[in-house]
Amino acid sequence: MAILVMAAAIAGNIKTVIGQDVKRENFLLAQTPVNADELELGVALPELAEVMLKGGESSSGRVIGIDAQGQALSIRRNDKTTTIPLSQIKKVVFKNGALAYRSNGRQIIRGERDRPTGKLVTWSGIPLNTFTVKNSTQGQAVVKLKPPVVSTAQLRGIQSVARNRQYVVDEIQFNSQQRTITILAKPY
C-alpha cells in the first residue's frame, strides 16, 4: 500500500514538471543535443619552445598565442614578444626538461622527474582556429578535436586518458596554406 501511495506521489510530481512551460531563454538549451563527436581538450605547452624556421634559423621562448586570422605565432622571452608568420615556421619543438603545468596547476617536468604514461599521439589536419592558448603564463591551451581529425572511437579514448592525465605537447607543425596544424603530444 505504501509503495502505491509513493508511486502516485512521484507520478503527480512528474506530471507537474512535464506540464510546466519551458522558459524562452532556456528554449535553445532544452533542445540542443549534446555533441558526442567533439572534444575540447586541455593541453599543456612546456615553457620553452624552439621555433624552427624554414630558412634554417630558429628562435626560442614561451608560446603565448597563435593568431588564426593573422596567421602568426607569438613567443615571449626575457619580457620581449616576437611575432612570426606561420608561413615561415617549419615546426615548434617543446624542449624536454622544460616545465609544463597540468590544468590543476601542478607542475610537470618532462623527461627528468616525470615520464609519459602513454605513447606519442599525432593529431593532423586540425583547423587552426580550433587551437587557443588560454593561459600563456602556465602554458594552458585548448584544442577542439572532432572527425575527420580523429574518429569518434579515438575521441572516447582521448577523453578516457585525459580524465586523470594531462596531454603535453611535444611538437606543433603548421600548414598555413590549408590553415591547419599537426600536434604531437604525450599523456603525463
Protein backbone atom coordinates (compact mmCIF):
# COMPACT_ATOMS: atom_id res chain seq x y z
CA MET A 1 0.00 0.00 0.00
CA ALA A 2 2.82 2.42 0.90
CA ILE A 3 4.52 1.68 -2.43
CA LEU A 4 1.34 2.57 -4.36
CA VAL A 5 0.97 5.88 -2.47
CA MET A 6 4.64 6.72 -3.15
CA ALA A 7 4.31 5.83 -6.86
CA ALA A 8 1.21 8.03 -7.15
CA ALA A 9 3.04 10.95 -5.49
CA ILE A 10 6.03 10.58 -7.82
CA ALA A 11 3.76 10.35 -10.86
CA GLY A 12 1.97 13.52 -9.75
CA ASN A 13 5.28 15.39 -9.39
CA ILE A 14 6.48 14.20 -12.80
CA LYS A 15 3.21 15.31 -14.39
CA THR A 16 3.58 18.75 -12.76
CA VAL A 17 7.16 19.17 -14.02
CA ILE A 18 6.31 17.96 -17.55
CA GLY A 19 3.29 20.24 -17.70
CA GLN A 20 5.30 23.39 -16.92
CA ASP A 21 6.24 25.67 -19.78
CA VAL A 22 9.88 25.91 -20.83
CA LYS A 23 11.09 29.49 -20.41
CA ARG A 24 12.06 31.20 -23.65
CA GLU A 25 15.65 31.95 -22.58
CA ASN A 26 16.21 28.23 -21.91
CA PHE A 27 14.43 27.05 -25.04
CA LEU A 28 17.60 26.53 -27.13
CA LEU A 29 19.34 24.85 -24.23
CA ALA A 30 16.42 22.47 -23.81
CA GLN A 31 16.55 21.47 -27.47
CA THR A 32 20.33 21.46 -28.12
CA PRO A 33 21.65 17.90 -28.29
CA VAL A 34 25.00 17.14 -26.68
CA ASN A 35 27.66 16.71 -29.38
CA ALA A 36 29.45 13.46 -28.54
CA ASP A 37 31.59 13.80 -31.67
CA GLU A 38 33.56 16.82 -30.41
CA LEU A 39 36.01 17.24 -27.54
CA GLU A 40 37.55 20.41 -26.14
CA LEU A 41 40.81 19.04 -24.80
CA GLY A 42 43.11 20.96 -22.47
CA VAL A 43 46.76 20.52 -23.43
CA ALA A 44 49.93 21.79 -21.75
CA LEU A 45 52.59 23.75 -23.63
CA PRO A 46 56.01 23.48 -21.90
CA GLU A 47 57.53 26.87 -21.10
CA LEU A 48 60.46 26.63 -23.52
CA ALA A 49 59.84 26.16 -27.23
CA GLU A 50 62.26 26.19 -30.12
CA VAL A 51 60.66 27.69 -33.24
CA MET A 52 62.40 26.19 -36.28
CA LEU A 53 62.10 28.44 -39.32
CA LYS A 54 62.04 27.23 -42.92
CA GLY A 55 65.20 29.20 -43.70
CA GLY A 56 67.20 27.21 -41.13
CA GLU A 57 67.22 29.81 -38.34
CA SER A 58 65.44 29.35 -35.03
CA SER A 59 64.04 31.38 -32.18
CA SER A 60 63.12 30.28 -28.69
CA GLY A 61 60.74 31.35 -25.94
CA ARG A 62 57.34 30.62 -24.44
CA VAL A 63 54.44 30.27 -26.89
CA ILE A 64 51.93 32.91 -25.80
CA GLY A 65 49.49 32.86 -28.69
CA ILE A 66 48.53 31.73 -32.15
CA ASP A 67 46.57 34.19 -34.27
CA ALA A 68 44.41 32.17 -36.68
CA GLN A 69 43.21 35.29 -38.53
CA GLY A 70 46.64 36.90 -38.89
CA GLN A 71 48.36 33.53 -39.37
CA ALA A 72 51.08 34.27 -36.80
CA LEU A 73 52.69 32.72 -33.71
CA SER A 74 53.75 34.87 -30.75
CA ILE A 75 56.55 33.89 -28.38
CA ARG A 76 57.95 35.70 -25.35
CA ARG A 77 61.46 35.59 -23.96
CA ASN A 78 63.01 37.99 -21.42
CA ASP A 79 59.87 40.19 -21.48
CA LYS A 80 60.21 40.67 -25.25
CA THR A 81 57.43 39.42 -27.54
CA THR A 82 58.18 38.27 -31.08
CA THR A 83 55.52 37.52 -33.70
CA ILE A 84 56.42 35.12 -36.51
CA PRO A 85 54.28 34.46 -39.62
CA LEU A 86 53.16 30.82 -39.74
CA SER A 87 54.29 30.58 -43.38
CA GLN A 88 57.92 30.98 -42.17
CA ILE A 89 57.70 28.27 -39.48
CA LYS A 90 58.82 24.70 -40.15
CA LYS A 91 57.80 23.48 -36.67
CA VAL A 92 57.72 24.32 -32.98
CA VAL A 93 59.53 21.84 -30.72
CA PHE A 94 59.00 21.97 -26.96
CA LYS A 95 62.18 21.27 -25.02
CA ASN A 96 62.47 18.12 -22.94
CA GLY A 97 63.10 19.05 -19.31
CA ALA A 98 61.08 22.27 -19.69
CA LEU A 99 58.45 23.00 -17.08
CA ALA A 100 54.78 22.45 -18.00
CA TYR A 101 51.64 22.73 -15.89
CA ARG A 102 48.68 20.41 -15.50
CA SER A 103 45.25 22.01 -15.77
CA ASN A 104 45.07 21.84 -11.93
CA GLY A 105 48.27 23.94 -11.66
CA ARG A 106 50.61 21.09 -10.64
CA GLN A 107 53.99 21.06 -12.37
CA ILE A 108 55.31 18.53 -14.87
CA ILE A 109 59.00 18.40 -15.81
CA ARG A 110 59.17 16.23 -18.91
CA GLY A 111 61.99 13.76 -19.18
CA GLU A 112 63.58 14.48 -15.81
CA ARG A 113 61.20 13.92 -12.94
CA ASP A 114 58.12 12.93 -14.91
CA ARG A 115 57.80 10.20 -17.54
CA PRO A 116 54.97 9.92 -20.07
CA THR A 117 52.25 7.46 -19.14
CA GLY A 118 51.29 6.71 -22.72
CA LYS A 119 52.50 6.73 -26.31
CA LEU A 120 53.10 9.75 -28.50
CA VAL A 121 49.90 10.66 -30.36
CA THR A 122 49.65 12.67 -33.56
CA TRP A 123 46.59 14.72 -34.46
CA SER A 124 46.82 16.03 -38.05
CA GLY A 125 44.62 18.40 -40.02
CA ILE A 126 43.34 20.35 -37.02
CA PRO A 127 41.76 23.62 -38.18
CA LEU A 128 43.96 26.47 -36.96
CA ASN A 129 41.03 28.35 -35.42
CA THR A 130 40.25 25.41 -33.09
CA PHE A 131 43.51 25.79 -31.12
CA THR A 132 43.62 28.51 -28.47
CA VAL A 133 46.18 29.46 -25.83
CA LYS A 134 44.01 30.09 -22.74
CA ASN A 135 46.71 30.87 -20.14
CA SER A 136 50.10 31.83 -21.58
CA THR A 137 51.72 32.12 -18.12
CA GLN A 138 51.13 28.43 -17.38
CA GLY A 139 51.09 27.24 -20.99
CA GLN A 140 47.48 26.08 -20.95
CA ALA A 141 45.83 25.65 -24.35
CA VAL A 142 42.64 24.07 -25.66
CA VAL A 143 42.22 22.15 -28.90
CA LYS A 144 38.86 21.08 -30.30
CA LEU A 145 39.07 17.57 -31.69
CA LYS A 146 36.39 16.01 -33.88
CA PRO A 147 36.07 13.87 -37.01
CA PRO A 148 37.73 13.73 -39.51
CA VAL A 149 40.81 14.69 -37.43
CA VAL A 150 40.05 11.84 -35.01
CA SER A 151 37.34 9.20 -35.13
CA THR A 152 34.53 9.02 -32.58
CA ALA A 153 36.20 5.94 -31.05
CA GLN A 154 39.51 7.82 -30.80
CA LEU A 155 37.71 10.74 -29.14
CA ARG A 156 36.39 8.40 -26.45
CA GLY A 157 39.91 7.01 -25.91
CA ILE A 158 41.44 10.50 -25.68
CA GLN A 159 38.72 11.57 -23.24
CA SER A 160 39.33 8.46 -21.14
CA VAL A 161 43.08 9.16 -20.94
CA ALA A 162 42.52 12.87 -20.20
CA ARG A 163 40.34 12.12 -17.15
CA ASN A 164 43.38 11.55 -14.93
CA ARG A 165 46.32 12.57 -17.11
CA GLN A 166 47.48 15.70 -18.91
CA TYR A 167 48.43 15.73 -22.60
CA VAL A 168 51.69 17.68 -23.00
CA VAL A 169 52.59 18.95 -26.47
CA ASP A 170 55.96 17.83 -27.89
CA GLU A 171 55.68 19.50 -31.28
CA ILE A 172 53.40 21.65 -33.44
CA GLN A 173 53.61 21.83 -37.24
CA PHE A 174 51.73 24.39 -39.32
CA ASN A 175 50.22 24.18 -42.79
CA SER A 176 49.48 27.85 -43.48
CA GLN A 177 48.00 27.16 -46.94
CA GLN A 178 45.38 24.75 -45.56
CA ARG A 179 45.13 26.74 -42.28
CA THR A 180 45.69 23.55 -40.25
CA ILE A 181 48.09 22.32 -37.59
CA THR A 182 49.51 18.97 -36.55
CA ILE A 183 50.06 18.34 -32.84
CA LEU A 184 52.30 15.64 -31.37
CA ALA A 185 51.59 15.07 -27.66
CA LYS A 186 52.08 12.56 -24.85
CA PRO A 187 49.94 11.98 -21.75
CA TYR A 188 51.62 12.54 -18.37
